[in-house]
Amino acid sequence: LEAAGAGLEDLIKTNTYITDMDEFFKCVDIRGEYFGPGFPCSTTVEISCLADPDAMIEIEAIAVVDA
């Protein structure tokens, strides 16, 4: 984001892939710390594993900035 001159406020959509939904819900409040009350729309999906077997979460984000 920084390299494109954008910030978290420019995010419009996130896709989150997690390996354990219970762990995800333990820290869902962290989103509010970073995004405030107007977070981007999001999709969260529990999957059996990620490409890195030690990883528990992967986040894909889409941002829009003026050119």
N, C-alpha and C. Protein backbone atom coordinates (compact mmCIF):
# COMPACT_ATOMS: atom_id res chain seq x y z
N LEU A 1 0.82 -1.20 0.00
CA LEU A 1 0.00 0.00 0.00
C LEU A 1 0.86 1.26 0.00
N GLU A 2 1.85 1.26 0.87
CA GLU A 2 2.70 2.44 0.99
C GLU A 2 3.42 2.74 -0.33
N ALA A 3 3.89 1.71 -1.01
CA ALA A 3 4.60 1.90 -2.27
C ALA A 3 3.71 2.53 -3.34
N ALA A 4 2.41 2.33 -3.23
CA ALA A 4 1.46 2.89 -4.19
C ALA A 4 0.87 4.22 -3.72
N GLY A 5 1.38 4.72 -2.60
CA GLY A 5 0.87 5.97 -2.06
C GLY A 5 -0.49 5.81 -1.39
N ALA A 6 -0.78 4.61 -0.90
CA ALA A 6 -2.07 4.33 -0.27
C ALA A 6 -1.87 3.94 1.19
N GLY A 7 -2.97 3.83 1.89
CA GLY A 7 -2.96 3.41 3.29
C GLY A 7 -4.15 2.52 3.56
N LEU A 8 -4.29 2.11 4.80
CA LEU A 8 -5.41 1.24 5.17
C LEU A 8 -6.76 1.86 4.86
N GLU A 9 -6.82 3.18 4.90
CA GLU A 9 -8.09 3.88 4.62
C GLU A 9 -8.52 3.73 3.16
N ASP A 10 -7.62 3.30 2.29
CA ASP A 10 -7.93 3.12 0.87
C ASP A 10 -8.40 1.71 0.53
N LEU A 11 -8.36 0.81 1.50
CA LEU A 11 -8.81 -0.56 1.24
C LEU A 11 -10.33 -0.58 1.05
N ILE A 12 -10.76 -1.33 0.05
CA ILE A 12 -12.20 -1.45 -0.18
C ILE A 12 -12.69 -2.89 -0.01
N LYS A 13 -11.76 -3.86 -0.01
CA LYS A 13 -12.16 -5.27 0.10
C LYS A 13 -10.99 -6.09 0.59
N THR A 14 -11.26 -7.02 1.51
CA THR A 14 -10.24 -7.98 1.93
C THR A 14 -10.82 -9.39 1.84
N ASN A 15 -9.96 -10.31 1.50
CA ASN A 15 -10.28 -11.74 1.53
C ASN A 15 -9.30 -12.36 2.51
N THR A 16 -9.82 -13.01 3.54
CA THR A 16 -8.98 -13.60 4.57
C THR A 16 -9.15 -15.11 4.53
N TYR A 17 -8.03 -15.80 4.45
CA TYR A 17 -8.02 -17.26 4.45
C TYR A 17 -7.36 -17.70 5.75
N ILE A 18 -8.07 -18.52 6.53
CA ILE A 18 -7.58 -18.94 7.83
C ILE A 18 -7.66 -20.45 7.96
N THR A 19 -6.82 -20.99 8.82
CA THR A 19 -6.83 -22.44 9.03
C THR A 19 -7.62 -22.85 10.26
N ASP A 20 -8.06 -21.89 11.08
CA ASP A 20 -8.82 -22.22 12.28
C ASP A 20 -9.77 -21.07 12.62
N MET A 21 -11.04 -21.24 12.32
CA MET A 21 -12.03 -20.18 12.54
C MET A 21 -12.12 -19.78 14.00
N ASP A 22 -11.96 -20.72 14.93
CA ASP A 22 -12.03 -20.39 16.36
C ASP A 22 -10.92 -19.42 16.74
N GLU A 23 -9.73 -19.62 16.23
CA GLU A 23 -8.63 -18.69 16.50
C GLU A 23 -8.90 -17.32 15.90
N PHE A 24 -9.49 -17.29 14.72
CA PHE A 24 -9.82 -16.03 14.06
C PHE A 24 -10.76 -15.20 14.93
N PHE A 25 -11.79 -15.83 15.48
CA PHE A 25 -12.77 -15.09 16.28
C PHE A 25 -12.21 -14.61 17.61
N LYS A 26 -11.11 -15.18 18.07
CA LYS A 26 -10.47 -14.71 19.30
C LYS A 26 -9.85 -13.33 19.13
N CYS A 27 -9.52 -12.94 17.89
CA CYS A 27 -8.83 -11.66 17.68
C CYS A 27 -9.53 -10.79 16.64
N VAL A 28 -10.82 -10.99 16.44
CA VAL A 28 -11.55 -10.21 15.44
C VAL A 28 -11.59 -8.72 15.79
N ASP A 29 -11.48 -8.37 17.06
CA ASP A 29 -11.50 -6.97 17.47
C ASP A 29 -10.28 -6.20 16.98
N ILE A 30 -9.23 -6.88 16.60
CA ILE A 30 -8.02 -6.22 16.11
C ILE A 30 -8.33 -5.44 14.83
N ARG A 31 -9.26 -5.93 14.02
CA ARG A 31 -9.66 -5.19 12.80
C ARG A 31 -10.06 -3.76 13.14
N GLY A 32 -10.85 -3.60 14.19
CA GLY A 32 -11.30 -2.28 14.60
C GLY A 32 -10.16 -1.35 14.97
N GLU A 33 -9.10 -1.89 15.54
CA GLU A 33 -7.94 -1.08 15.90
C GLU A 33 -7.27 -0.48 14.67
N TYR A 34 -7.26 -1.21 13.58
CA TYR A 34 -6.58 -0.76 12.37
C TYR A 34 -7.51 -0.01 11.41
N PHE A 35 -8.76 -0.45 11.30
CA PHE A 35 -9.67 0.13 10.33
C PHE A 35 -10.66 1.12 10.91
N GLY A 36 -10.83 1.13 12.23
CA GLY A 36 -11.84 1.99 12.82
C GLY A 36 -13.23 1.48 12.49
N PRO A 37 -14.23 2.34 12.61
CA PRO A 37 -15.61 1.88 12.41
C PRO A 37 -15.97 1.62 10.94
N GLY A 38 -15.19 2.14 9.99
CA GLY A 38 -15.55 1.97 8.58
C GLY A 38 -14.67 0.99 7.87
N PHE A 39 -14.61 -0.28 8.36
CA PHE A 39 -13.71 -1.18 7.67
C PHE A 39 -14.26 -1.60 6.32
N PRO A 40 -13.32 -2.07 5.48
CA PRO A 40 -13.73 -2.48 4.13
C PRO A 40 -14.60 -3.73 4.20
N CYS A 41 -15.38 -3.96 3.14
CA CYS A 41 -16.13 -5.22 3.10
C CYS A 41 -15.12 -6.36 3.07
N SER A 42 -15.54 -7.51 3.55
CA SER A 42 -14.57 -8.60 3.65
C SER A 42 -15.24 -9.96 3.52
N THR A 43 -14.42 -10.92 3.15
CA THR A 43 -14.82 -12.31 3.12
C THR A 43 -13.78 -13.09 3.91
N THR A 44 -14.24 -13.97 4.78
CA THR A 44 -13.33 -14.82 5.55
C THR A 44 -13.70 -16.27 5.28
N VAL A 45 -12.69 -17.06 4.95
CA VAL A 45 -12.92 -18.46 4.61
C VAL A 45 -11.95 -19.33 5.39
N GLU A 46 -12.48 -20.40 6.00
CA GLU A 46 -11.61 -21.37 6.66
C GLU A 46 -11.19 -22.43 5.64
N ILE A 47 -9.87 -22.68 5.59
CA ILE A 47 -9.34 -23.68 4.66
C ILE A 47 -8.46 -24.66 5.44
N SER A 48 -8.14 -25.78 4.83
CA SER A 48 -7.38 -26.80 5.56
C SER A 48 -5.91 -26.44 5.74
N CYS A 49 -5.31 -25.73 4.78
CA CYS A 49 -3.92 -25.31 4.94
C CYS A 49 -3.61 -24.20 3.95
N LEU A 50 -2.51 -23.51 4.22
CA LEU A 50 -2.00 -22.46 3.33
C LEU A 50 -0.72 -22.96 2.67
N ALA A 51 -0.20 -22.22 1.72
CA ALA A 51 1.02 -22.63 1.02
C ALA A 51 2.19 -22.80 1.99
N ASP A 52 2.29 -21.92 2.99
CA ASP A 52 3.29 -22.07 4.05
C ASP A 52 2.64 -22.89 5.16
N PRO A 53 3.09 -24.10 5.40
CA PRO A 53 2.43 -24.95 6.39
C PRO A 53 2.46 -24.40 7.81
N ASP A 54 3.34 -23.44 8.10
CA ASP A 54 3.39 -22.84 9.43
C ASP A 54 2.45 -21.64 9.57
N ALA A 55 1.90 -21.16 8.45
CA ALA A 55 1.03 -19.98 8.47
C ALA A 55 -0.39 -20.38 8.89
N MET A 56 -1.04 -19.46 9.59
CA MET A 56 -2.43 -19.67 10.00
C MET A 56 -3.39 -18.72 9.29
N ILE A 57 -2.85 -17.66 8.67
CA ILE A 57 -3.71 -16.65 8.06
C ILE A 57 -3.02 -16.05 6.84
N GLU A 58 -3.82 -15.75 5.84
CA GLU A 58 -3.35 -15.04 4.66
C GLU A 58 -4.43 -14.02 4.30
N ILE A 59 -4.02 -12.79 4.06
CA ILE A 59 -4.97 -11.72 3.75
C ILE A 59 -4.64 -11.13 2.40
N GLU A 60 -5.65 -11.08 1.54
CA GLU A 60 -5.55 -10.45 0.23
C GLU A 60 -6.36 -9.16 0.32
N ALA A 61 -5.81 -8.06 -0.17
CA ALA A 61 -6.50 -6.78 -0.02
C ALA A 61 -6.55 -6.03 -1.35
N ILE A 62 -7.64 -5.32 -1.55
CA ILE A 62 -7.83 -4.48 -2.74
C ILE A 62 -8.01 -3.05 -2.27
N ALA A 63 -7.22 -2.15 -2.84
CA ALA A 63 -7.32 -0.73 -2.49
C ALA A 63 -7.56 0.09 -3.75
N VAL A 64 -8.16 1.25 -3.57
CA VAL A 64 -8.40 2.17 -4.67
C VAL A 64 -7.79 3.52 -4.30
N VAL A 65 -6.96 4.05 -5.21
CA VAL A 65 -6.36 5.37 -5.00
C VAL A 65 -6.53 6.18 -6.26
N ASP A 66 -6.56 7.49 -6.12
CA ASP A 66 -6.63 8.37 -7.28
C ASP A 66 -5.31 8.34 -8.01
N ALA A 67 -5.37 8.32 -9.33
CA ALA A 67 -4.14 8.29 -10.13
C ALA A 67 -3.66 9.68 -10.42
